[in-house]
C-alpha atoms as a PDB file:
ATOM      1  CA  MET A   1      75.767  94.622  92.692  1.00  0.00           C
ATOM      2  CA  ALA A   2      74.765  91.551  94.051  1.00  0.00           C
ATOM      3  CA  LEU A   3      78.111  90.397  94.504  1.00  0.00           C
ATOM      4  CA  SER A   4      79.649  93.640  95.365  1.00  0.00           C
ATOM      5  CA  ASP A   5      79.320  92.767  99.391  1.00  0.00           C
ATOM      6  CA  PRO A   6      81.560  90.437 101.223  1.00  0.00           C
ATOM      7  CA  ILE A   7      78.562  88.897 103.232  1.00  0.00           C
ATOM      8  CA  ARG A   8      76.811  88.029 100.374  1.00  0.00           C
ATOM      9  CA  ARG A   9      79.533  86.749  98.850  1.00  0.00           C
ATOM     10  CA  GLN A  10      79.600  84.318 102.231  1.00  0.00           C
ATOM     11  CA  ILE A  11      75.982  83.399 102.093  1.00  0.00           C
ATOM     12  CA  LEU A  12      76.325  82.131  98.444  1.00  0.00           C
ATOM     13  CA  GLN A  13      79.527  80.271  99.343  1.00  0.00           C
ATOM     14  CA  ARG A  14      77.565  78.722 102.084  1.00  0.00           C
ATOM     15  CA  LEU A  15      74.547  77.936 100.283  1.00  0.00           C
ATOM     16  CA  ALA A  16      76.755  76.672  97.298  1.00  0.00           C
ATOM     17  CA  ALA A  17      77.698  73.893 100.061  1.00  0.00           C
ATOM     18  CA  SER A  18      74.220  72.709 100.641  1.00  0.00           C
ATOM     19  CA  GLU A  19      70.792  74.383 100.924  1.00  0.00           C
ATOM     20  CA  ALA A  20      70.064  75.663 104.370  1.00  0.00           C
ATOM     21  CA  ARG A  21      67.438  77.642 106.440  1.00  0.00           C
ATOM     22  CA  VAL A  22      67.273  81.366 106.700  1.00  0.00           C
ATOM     23  CA  THR A  23      68.086  81.400 110.477  1.00  0.00           C
ATOM     24  CA  ASP A  24      71.221  78.670 109.974  1.00  0.00           C
ATOM     25  CA  VAL A  25      72.283  80.999 107.165  1.00  0.00           C
ATOM     26  CA  ALA A  26      71.749  83.945 109.493  1.00  0.00           C
ATOM     27  CA  SER A  27      73.532  82.265 112.721  1.00  0.00           C
ATOM     28  CA  GLU A  28      76.933  82.352 110.803  1.00  0.00           C
ATOM     29  CA  PHE A  29      76.722  86.141 110.945  1.00  0.00           C
ATOM     30  CA  SER A  30      77.571  88.858 113.665  1.00  0.00           C
ATOM     31  CA  ILE A  31      74.556  91.082 112.326  1.00  0.00           C
ATOM     32  CA  SER A  32      71.147  90.927 112.752  1.00  0.00           C
ATOM     33  CA  LEU A  33      68.681  88.284 111.426  1.00  0.00           C
ATOM     34  CA  ASN A  34      66.607  91.345 109.666  1.00  0.00           C
ATOM     35  CA  SER A  35      70.126  92.278 108.006  1.00  0.00           C
ATOM     36  CA  VAL A  36      70.737  88.908 106.367  1.00  0.00           C
ATOM     37  CA  SER A  37      67.449  88.492 105.466  1.00  0.00           C
ATOM     38  CA  LYS A  38      68.130  91.749 103.204  1.00  0.00           C
ATOM     39  CA  HIS A  39      71.154  90.600 101.954  1.00  0.00           C
ATOM     40  CA  ILE A  40      69.342  87.436 101.047  1.00  0.00           C
ATOM     41  CA  ARG A  41      66.363  89.289  99.341  1.00  0.00           C
ATOM     42  CA  LEU A  42      68.876  91.247  97.104  1.00  0.00           C
ATOM     43  CA  LEU A  43      70.375  87.701  96.016  1.00  0.00           C
ATOM     44  CA  GLU A  44      66.953  86.408  95.477  1.00  0.00           C
ATOM     45  CA  SER A  45      66.345  89.649  93.036  1.00  0.00           C
ATOM     46  CA  ALA A  46      69.186  88.725  91.172  1.00  0.00           C
ATOM     47  CA  ARG A  47      67.990  85.302  90.690  1.00  0.00           C
ATOM     48  CA  LEU A  48      71.197  83.702  92.548  1.00  0.00           C
ATOM     49  CA  VAL A  49      69.445  82.247  95.726  1.00  0.00           C
ATOM     50  CA  GLU A  50      65.813  80.637  95.563  1.00  0.00           C
ATOM     51  CA  ARG A  51      63.535  80.446  98.452  1.00  0.00           C
ATOM     52  CA  THR A  52      60.974  77.521  99.539  1.00  0.00           C
ATOM     53  CA  VAL A  53      58.916  78.141 102.193  1.00  0.00           C
ATOM     54  CA  ILE A  54      57.772  74.873 103.998  1.00  0.00           C
ATOM     55  CA  GLY A  55      55.693  75.504 106.906  1.00  0.00           C
ATOM     56  CA  ARG A  56      57.282  78.487 108.649  1.00  0.00           C
ATOM     57  CA  GLU A  57      60.574  77.361 107.692  1.00  0.00           C
ATOM     58  CA  HIS A  58      62.345  79.129 104.857  1.00  0.00           C
ATOM     59  CA  LEU A  59      64.843  77.047 102.849  1.00  0.00           C
ATOM     60  CA  LEU A  60      67.231  78.584 100.567  1.00  0.00           C
ATOM     61  CA  ARG A  61      69.141  77.232  97.494  1.00  0.00           C
ATOM     62  CA  PHE A  62      72.156  78.373  95.652  1.00  0.00           C
ATOM     63  CA  ARG A  63      71.419  79.180  91.710  1.00  0.00           C
ATOM     64  CA  PRO A  64      74.647  79.299  89.929  1.00  0.00           C
ATOM     65  CA  GLU A  65      72.589  79.683  86.440  1.00  0.00           C
ATOM     66  CA  PRO A  66      72.828  83.608  86.394  1.00  0.00           C
ATOM     67  CA  LEU A  67      76.458  83.495  87.308  1.00  0.00           C
ATOM     68  CA  THR A  68      77.067  81.315  84.454  1.00  0.00           C
ATOM     69  CA  GLU A  69      75.258  83.448  82.143  1.00  0.00           C
ATOM     70  CA  ALA A  70      77.456  86.351  83.018  1.00  0.00           C
ATOM     71  CA  GLU A  71      80.680  84.209  82.610  1.00  0.00           C
ATOM     72  CA  GLU A  72      79.352  83.613  79.040  1.00  0.00           C
ATOM     73  CA  TRP A  73      78.722  86.772  78.332  1.00  0.00           C
ATOM     74  CA  ILE A  74      82.060  88.209  79.546  1.00  0.00           C
ATOM     75  CA  ALA A  75      84.128  85.327  77.445  1.00  0.00           C
ATOM     76  CA  ARG A  76      82.098  86.667  74.047  1.00  0.00           C
ATOM     77  CA  GLN A  77      82.791  90.312  75.233  1.00  0.00           C
ATOM     78  CA  GLN A  78      86.715  89.036  75.683  1.00  0.00           C
ATOM     79  CA  SER A  79      86.454  87.245  72.290  1.00  0.00           C
ATOM     80  CA  PHE A  80      85.207  90.426  70.450  1.00  0.00           C
ATOM     81  CA  TRP A  81      87.872  92.643  72.006  1.00  0.00           C
ATOM     82  CA  ALA A  82      90.435  90.324  71.347  1.00  0.00           C
ATOM     83  CA  ARG A  83      89.521  90.176  67.574  1.00  0.00           C
ATOM     84  CA  ARG A  84      89.209  93.846  67.464  1.00  0.00           C
ATOM     85  CA  LEU A  85      92.807  94.559  69.188  1.00  0.00           C
ATOM     86  CA  GLN A  86      94.159  91.878  67.280  1.00  0.00           C
ATOM     87  CA  ALA A  87      92.702  93.666  63.868  1.00  0.00           C
ATOM     88  CA  ILE A  88      94.275  96.874  65.002  1.00  0.00           C
ATOM     89  CA  ASP A  89      97.693  95.209  65.534  1.00  0.00           C
ATOM     90  CA  ASP A  90      97.831  93.752  62.126  1.00  0.00           C
ATOM     91  CA  LEU A  91      96.692  97.251  60.888  1.00  0.00           C
ATOM     92  CA  LEU A  92      99.694  98.754  62.492  1.00  0.00           C
ATOM     93  CA  THR A  93     102.077  96.067  61.661  1.00  0.00           C
ATOM     94  CA  ALA A  94     101.206  96.353  57.773  1.00  0.00           C
ATOM     95  CA  GLU A  95     101.351 100.193  58.272  1.00  0.00           C
ATOM     96  CA  ASP A  96     104.845  99.943  59.802  1.00  0.00           C
ATOM     97  CA  ALA A  97     106.065  97.288  57.608  1.00  0.00           C
ATOM     98  CA  ALA A  98     104.622 100.066  54.286  1.00  0.00           C
ATOM     99  CA  ASN A  99     106.631 102.806  55.911  1.00  0.00           C
ATOM    100  CA  GLU A 100     109.676 100.761  56.057  1.00  0.00           C
ATOM    101  CA  MET A 101     109.516  99.852  52.478  1.00  0.00           C
ATOM    102  CA  PRO A 102     110.407 103.402  50.664  1.00  0.00           C
ATOM    103  CA  ASN A 103     113.534 103.371  53.186  1.00  0.00           C
ATOM    104  CA  LEU A 104     114.915  99.959  52.034  1.00  0.00           C
ATOM    105  CA  ARG A 105     114.626 101.481  48.547  1.00  0.00           C
ATOM    106  CA  GLU A 106     116.547 104.540  49.571  1.00  0.00           C
ATOM    107  CA  ASN A 107     119.313 102.391  50.720  1.00  0.00           C
ATOM    108  CA  TYR A 108     119.266  99.571  48.168  1.00  0.00           C
ATOM    109  CA  SER A 109     121.896 101.134  45.373  1.00  0.00           C
ATOM    110  CA  ILE A 110     123.078  99.827  42.102  1.00  0.00           C
ATOM    111  CA  GLU A 111     126.272  98.851  43.581  1.00  0.00           C
ATOM    112  CA  ASP A 112     124.388  96.342  45.773  1.00  0.00           C
ATOM    113  CA  ARG A 113     123.068  94.454  42.866  1.00  0.00           C
END
């Protein structure tokens, strides 16, 4: 959900380059500061952005760790399903080979020996 919106993805791209003040990030968009702040809060709730308050300044920093966790989860799922699909393929290949064996016996005659 956090990455589903193009503005949030652009905010993360901006913060991946360097940390920035909320107002600096907001100035790069044609939407209101309030709207950008809502996007930032959603990114904070997803733990993708960390805010540090220094006086009146709110500095934002990109946190890639949740994306790394998601990437690792996806890799585990891909591995799991690849193994399962390979097991199905092996089973079907063995079944096909077993089904071909009676046909080989029927086609094999004493004259062929």
